[in-house]
């Protein structure tokens, strides 16, 4: 199964016009359960900051830029720097943001998280489904700690080692070809954060029974279909018309329950003050 070429093709299609790009971002936030968890974590952190205090955010591994755009649009006192290695993603994100009301508060820079050159300090660092792509994850977390302001937060979302990346058995190929590891246990990721000088303050498994079923219905099966035939691009709107309401209910159920295990993991950590 080839996930990334399909993702890139969809990004190119929706990136043809700003209205399509906004629709694309809205769909990503709607159908991907990880976005539900990430946005909840963001809201909780921003609630603790005065609305008139400038907040500098690093979107580490920004991809299409949907989180950078969301943060800047949702919180007018936020300035966001999105970094990524992929120049095509960055150029598309720059073109979109340049024509958006948030243009002066969102900047995109090519940078390598293992040798981060972007200067801090940042009040918040967001890293969504990035660490599982990088072999030297310790270097990334050290760089996060270096550019983070004392008292600042890091939000990390990643597949877990309990079936993350759709790996169900030893030796099975990841659903995502670019992953260098299946995922993390809560204990391992918290230990890596502490090793870098960051203190975990909360962690949750996501994609429990409800979320995993939603992921198969909303993401996996459509991706498999798009890999098989271009006709799927025409049939998917009908498919989602039937399946989307069920998937959204499953996402909501996953978000409100405390999953004892799950194929996703989200951890919020803080840099100690003083």
Protein backbone atom coordinates (compact mmCIF):
# COMPACT_ATOMS: atom_id res chain seq x y z
CA UNK A 1 0.00 0.00 0.00
CA UNK A 2 1.42 3.37 -1.05
CA UNK A 3 0.13 6.05 1.32
CA UNK A 4 2.40 9.02 0.68
CA UNK A 5 1.95 9.27 -3.14
CA UNK A 6 -1.84 9.33 -2.64
CA UNK A 7 -1.50 11.95 0.09
CA UNK A 8 0.73 14.07 -2.14
CA UNK A 9 -1.70 13.77 -5.05
CA UNK A 10 -4.63 14.87 -2.89
CA UNK A 11 -2.57 17.78 -1.57
CA UNK A 12 -1.79 18.87 -5.13
CA UNK A 13 -5.45 18.65 -6.21
CA UNK A 14 -6.76 20.68 -3.28
CA UNK A 15 -3.85 23.11 -3.46
CA UNK A 16 -5.00 24.42 -6.84
CA UNK A 17 -7.16 27.13 -5.23
CA UNK A 18 -7.34 28.74 -1.76
CA UNK A 19 -10.98 27.69 -1.29
CA UNK A 20 -10.08 24.09 -2.08
CA UNK A 21 -7.11 24.33 0.30
CA UNK A 22 -9.39 25.51 3.13
CA UNK A 23 -11.76 22.66 2.35
CA UNK A 24 -8.83 20.22 2.41
CA UNK A 25 -7.68 21.46 5.82
CA UNK A 26 -11.24 21.23 7.17
CA UNK A 27 -11.52 17.64 5.92
CA UNK A 28 -8.19 16.69 7.46
CA UNK A 29 -9.29 18.09 10.84
CA UNK A 30 -12.63 16.34 10.53
CA UNK A 31 -11.70 12.80 9.56
CA UNK A 32 -8.30 12.38 11.26
CA UNK A 33 -8.83 11.55 14.93
CA UNK A 34 -5.30 12.71 15.74
CA UNK A 35 -6.39 16.25 14.87
CA UNK A 36 -9.21 16.01 17.42
CA UNK A 37 -6.66 15.18 20.15
CA UNK A 38 -4.13 17.76 19.00
CA UNK A 39 -6.67 20.59 18.84
CA UNK A 40 -7.97 19.69 22.30
CA UNK A 41 -4.42 19.82 23.69
CA UNK A 42 -3.85 23.18 21.98
CA UNK A 43 -7.05 24.64 23.43
CA UNK A 44 -6.13 23.55 26.94
CA UNK A 45 -2.70 25.17 26.73
CA UNK A 46 -3.90 28.40 25.14
CA UNK A 47 -6.62 28.73 27.80
CA UNK A 48 -3.84 29.24 30.34
CA UNK A 49 -2.30 32.18 28.47
CA UNK A 50 -3.65 35.76 28.43
CA UNK A 51 -5.25 36.61 25.10
CA UNK A 52 -3.12 39.76 24.82
CA UNK A 53 0.20 37.97 25.32
CA UNK A 54 2.10 37.13 22.10
CA UNK A 55 2.70 33.41 21.75
CA UNK A 56 5.40 32.04 19.46
CA UNK A 57 4.75 28.53 18.12
CA UNK A 58 7.00 26.09 16.24
CA UNK A 59 5.11 23.65 14.03
CA UNK A 60 7.83 21.03 13.72
CA UNK A 61 7.19 18.97 10.60
CA UNK A 62 4.41 21.21 9.31
CA UNK A 63 3.58 19.16 6.20
CA UNK A 64 0.71 20.84 4.36
CA UNK A 65 0.61 23.54 7.07
CA UNK A 66 -2.90 22.81 8.35
CA UNK A 67 -1.95 23.11 12.03
CA UNK A 68 0.06 26.30 11.49
CA UNK A 69 -2.94 27.82 9.73
CA UNK A 70 -5.37 26.56 12.40
CA UNK A 71 -3.34 28.02 15.28
CA UNK A 72 -2.88 31.43 13.65
CA UNK A 73 -6.56 31.66 12.67
CA UNK A 74 -7.86 30.42 16.04
CA UNK A 75 -5.58 32.55 18.23
CA UNK A 76 -4.81 36.03 16.82
CA UNK A 77 -2.00 36.56 19.35
CA UNK A 78 -0.06 33.56 18.00
CA UNK A 79 2.85 33.72 15.57
CA UNK A 80 3.70 30.38 13.95
CA UNK A 81 6.88 29.15 12.30
CA UNK A 82 6.31 25.95 10.32
CA UNK A 83 9.40 23.93 9.40
CA UNK A 84 9.73 20.91 7.15
CA UNK A 85 12.24 19.26 4.83
CA UNK A 86 9.90 18.95 1.85
CA UNK A 87 10.23 22.02 -0.37
CA UNK A 88 7.08 21.23 -2.40
CA UNK A 89 4.95 21.15 0.76
CA UNK A 90 6.49 24.40 1.97
CA UNK A 91 5.96 26.21 -1.33
CA UNK A 92 2.32 25.17 -1.46
CA UNK A 93 1.81 26.27 2.16
CA UNK A 94 3.49 29.64 1.48
CA UNK A 95 1.27 30.30 -1.54
CA UNK A 96 -1.86 29.57 0.45
CA UNK A 97 -0.93 31.59 3.54
CA UNK A 98 0.23 34.57 1.46
CA UNK A 99 -3.40 35.09 0.38
CA UNK A 100 -4.90 34.46 3.84
CA UNK A 101 -5.66 36.99 6.62
CA UNK A 102 -3.00 35.30 8.81
CA UNK A 103 -0.21 36.00 6.29
CA UNK A 104 1.84 38.21 8.60
CA UNK A 105 1.82 35.70 11.45
CA UNK A 106 2.71 32.42 9.71
CA UNK A 107 6.13 31.71 8.20
CA UNK A 108 7.41 28.53 6.59
CA UNK A 109 11.09 27.56 6.65
CA UNK A 110 12.99 24.56 5.33
CA UNK A 111 14.85 23.00 8.25
CA UNK A 112 16.06 19.65 9.53
CA UNK A 113 14.75 18.87 13.03
CA UNK A 114 17.85 16.82 13.83
CA UNK A 115 20.03 19.89 13.13
CA UNK A 116 17.52 22.62 13.84
CA UNK A 117 18.69 26.07 12.76
CA UNK A 118 15.44 27.96 13.37
CA UNK A 119 15.98 30.25 16.32
CA UNK A 120 13.86 30.33 19.46
CA UNK A 121 12.67 30.90 21.96
CA UNK A 122 9.24 29.36 21.39
CA UNK A 123 6.39 29.16 23.87
CA UNK A 124 4.96 26.04 22.27
CA UNK A 125 6.24 23.32 19.96
CA UNK A 126 3.85 21.08 18.05
CA UNK A 127 5.03 17.85 16.46
CA UNK A 128 2.32 15.76 14.83
CA UNK A 129 3.25 12.33 13.45
CA UNK A 130 6.88 13.31 12.87
CA UNK A 131 9.14 11.43 15.30
CA UNK A 132 8.27 8.03 13.83
CA UNK A 133 9.88 9.26 10.56
CA UNK A 134 13.21 10.23 12.14
CA UNK A 135 15.91 7.78 13.21
CA UNK A 136 17.70 10.18 15.57
CA UNK A 137 14.69 11.15 17.64
CA UNK A 138 16.88 12.01 20.64
CA UNK A 139 18.53 14.83 18.66
CA UNK A 140 15.10 16.20 17.72
CA UNK A 141 13.92 16.28 21.34
CA UNK A 142 17.17 17.90 22.48
CA UNK A 143 16.65 20.62 19.88
CA UNK A 144 13.07 21.10 21.05
CA UNK A 145 14.31 21.62 24.60
CA UNK A 146 17.00 24.03 23.40
CA UNK A 147 14.66 26.39 21.53
CA UNK A 148 11.77 26.15 23.98
CA UNK A 149 11.26 28.93 26.50
CA UNK A 150 11.36 27.85 30.19
CA UNK A 151 7.79 27.07 31.13
CA UNK A 152 6.90 26.38 27.49
CA UNK A 153 5.09 23.29 26.22
CA UNK A 154 5.67 20.54 23.68
CA UNK A 155 2.81 18.54 22.15
CA UNK A 156 3.85 15.30 20.46
CA UNK A 157 1.47 13.02 18.58
CA UNK A 158 2.78 9.74 17.22
CA UNK A 159 1.71 6.16 16.49
CA UNK A 160 2.09 3.85 19.46
CA UNK A 161 3.91 0.52 19.46
CA UNK A 162 0.60 -1.28 19.99
CA UNK A 163 -0.42 -1.51 16.37
CA UNK A 164 0.59 1.98 15.28
CA UNK A 165 1.24 2.38 11.54
CA UNK A 166 -1.17 -0.59 11.17
CA UNK A 167 1.60 -3.05 12.09
CA UNK A 168 -0.07 -6.06 13.73
CA UNK A 169 2.73 -8.62 13.70
CA UNK A 170 6.56 -8.75 13.76
CA UNK A 171 8.03 -8.17 10.30
CA UNK A 172 4.82 -6.72 8.88
CA UNK A 173 5.32 -3.67 6.64
CA UNK A 174 4.07 -0.33 7.96
CA UNK A 175 0.97 1.23 6.42
CA UNK A 176 3.12 4.34 6.00
CA UNK A 177 6.22 3.60 3.92
CA UNK A 178 8.28 6.49 5.35
CA UNK A 179 8.14 5.32 8.99
CA UNK A 180 11.45 4.22 10.52
CA UNK A 181 9.73 2.76 13.59
CA UNK A 182 6.26 1.39 14.29
CA UNK A 183 5.67 3.82 17.16
CA UNK A 184 6.34 4.45 20.84
CA UNK A 185 5.12 3.14 24.15
CA UNK A 186 4.00 5.79 26.61
CA UNK A 187 6.92 4.88 28.88
CA UNK A 188 9.54 5.14 26.13
CA UNK A 189 8.37 8.51 24.81
CA UNK A 190 8.12 9.98 28.31
CA UNK A 191 11.63 8.68 29.08
CA UNK A 192 13.02 10.26 25.88
CA UNK A 193 11.41 13.58 26.80
CA UNK A 194 12.88 13.53 30.32
CA UNK A 195 16.27 12.62 28.89
CA UNK A 196 16.07 15.79 26.76
CA UNK A 197 15.16 17.93 29.79
CA UNK A 198 11.39 18.06 29.24
CA UNK A 199 8.88 16.95 31.86
CA UNK A 200 5.74 15.10 30.68
CA UNK A 201 2.58 16.56 32.20
CA UNK A 202 -0.04 14.38 30.50
CA UNK A 203 -0.18 11.49 28.06
CA UNK A 204 -3.01 9.57 26.46
CA UNK A 205 -3.41 6.61 24.19
CA UNK A 206 -5.68 7.37 21.25
CA UNK A 207 -7.20 5.20 18.55
CA UNK A 208 -8.66 2.71 20.97
CA UNK A 209 -11.41 0.34 19.78
CA UNK A 210 -13.68 3.14 18.54
CA UNK A 211 -10.92 5.25 17.00
CA UNK A 212 -9.25 2.31 15.29
CA UNK A 213 -12.52 1.36 13.61
CA UNK A 214 -13.04 4.99 12.54
CA UNK A 215 -9.51 5.06 11.11
CA UNK A 216 -10.18 1.98 8.99
CA UNK A 217 -13.47 3.38 7.71
CA UNK A 218 -12.35 6.96 7.11
CA UNK A 219 -8.69 6.56 6.13
CA UNK A 220 -7.43 3.06 5.44
CA UNK A 221 -10.17 1.69 3.18
CA UNK A 222 -10.37 4.88 1.04
CA UNK A 223 -6.57 4.91 0.70
CA UNK A 224 -6.58 1.28 -0.40
CA UNK A 225 -9.23 2.08 -2.98
CA UNK A 226 -7.29 5.08 -4.31
CA UNK A 227 -4.25 2.85 -4.72
CA UNK A 228 -6.21 0.37 -6.81
CA UNK A 229 -8.04 2.62 -9.26
CA UNK A 230 -8.43 6.27 -10.23
CA UNK A 231 -12.19 5.63 -10.36
CA UNK A 232 -12.14 5.76 -6.56
CA UNK A 233 -11.68 9.54 -6.72
CA UNK A 234 -15.17 9.75 -8.21
CA UNK A 235 -16.75 7.17 -5.91
CA UNK A 236 -15.35 8.42 -2.60
CA UNK A 237 -17.83 11.31 -2.15
CA UNK A 238 -20.66 8.75 -2.21
CA UNK A 239 -18.76 6.47 0.17
CA UNK A 240 -18.16 9.29 2.65
CA UNK A 241 -21.78 10.38 2.45
CA UNK A 242 -22.69 7.03 3.98
CA UNK A 243 -19.68 6.37 6.23
CA UNK A 244 -18.73 9.83 7.52
CA UNK A 245 -21.49 10.16 10.16
CA UNK A 246 -20.55 6.79 11.64
CA UNK A 247 -16.86 7.65 11.62
CA UNK A 248 -17.40 10.98 13.36
CA UNK A 249 -19.41 9.35 16.13
CA UNK A 250 -16.62 6.80 16.61
CA UNK A 251 -14.02 9.60 16.73
CA UNK A 252 -16.04 11.43 19.38
CA UNK A 253 -16.40 8.27 21.48
CA UNK A 254 -12.66 7.67 21.35
CA UNK A 255 -11.93 11.25 22.43
CA UNK A 256 -14.15 11.18 25.52
CA UNK A 257 -13.09 7.78 26.86
CA UNK A 258 -9.81 6.99 28.60
CA UNK A 259 -8.17 4.39 26.39
CA UNK A 260 -6.03 1.97 28.37
CA UNK A 261 -4.31 1.11 25.12
CA UNK A 262 -4.46 2.32 21.55
CA UNK A 263 -2.55 2.61 18.30
CA UNK A 264 -1.94 6.34 18.79
CA UNK A 265 -0.19 8.31 21.53
CA UNK A 266 -0.26 11.99 22.45
CA UNK A 267 2.04 13.45 25.10
CA UNK A 268 2.24 17.01 26.44
CA UNK A 269 5.50 17.98 28.14
CA UNK A 270 6.82 21.18 29.69
CA UNK A 271 10.28 22.71 30.04
CA UNK A 272 10.97 23.40 33.73
CA UNK A 273 11.35 27.03 34.74
CA UNK A 274 14.46 28.36 36.41
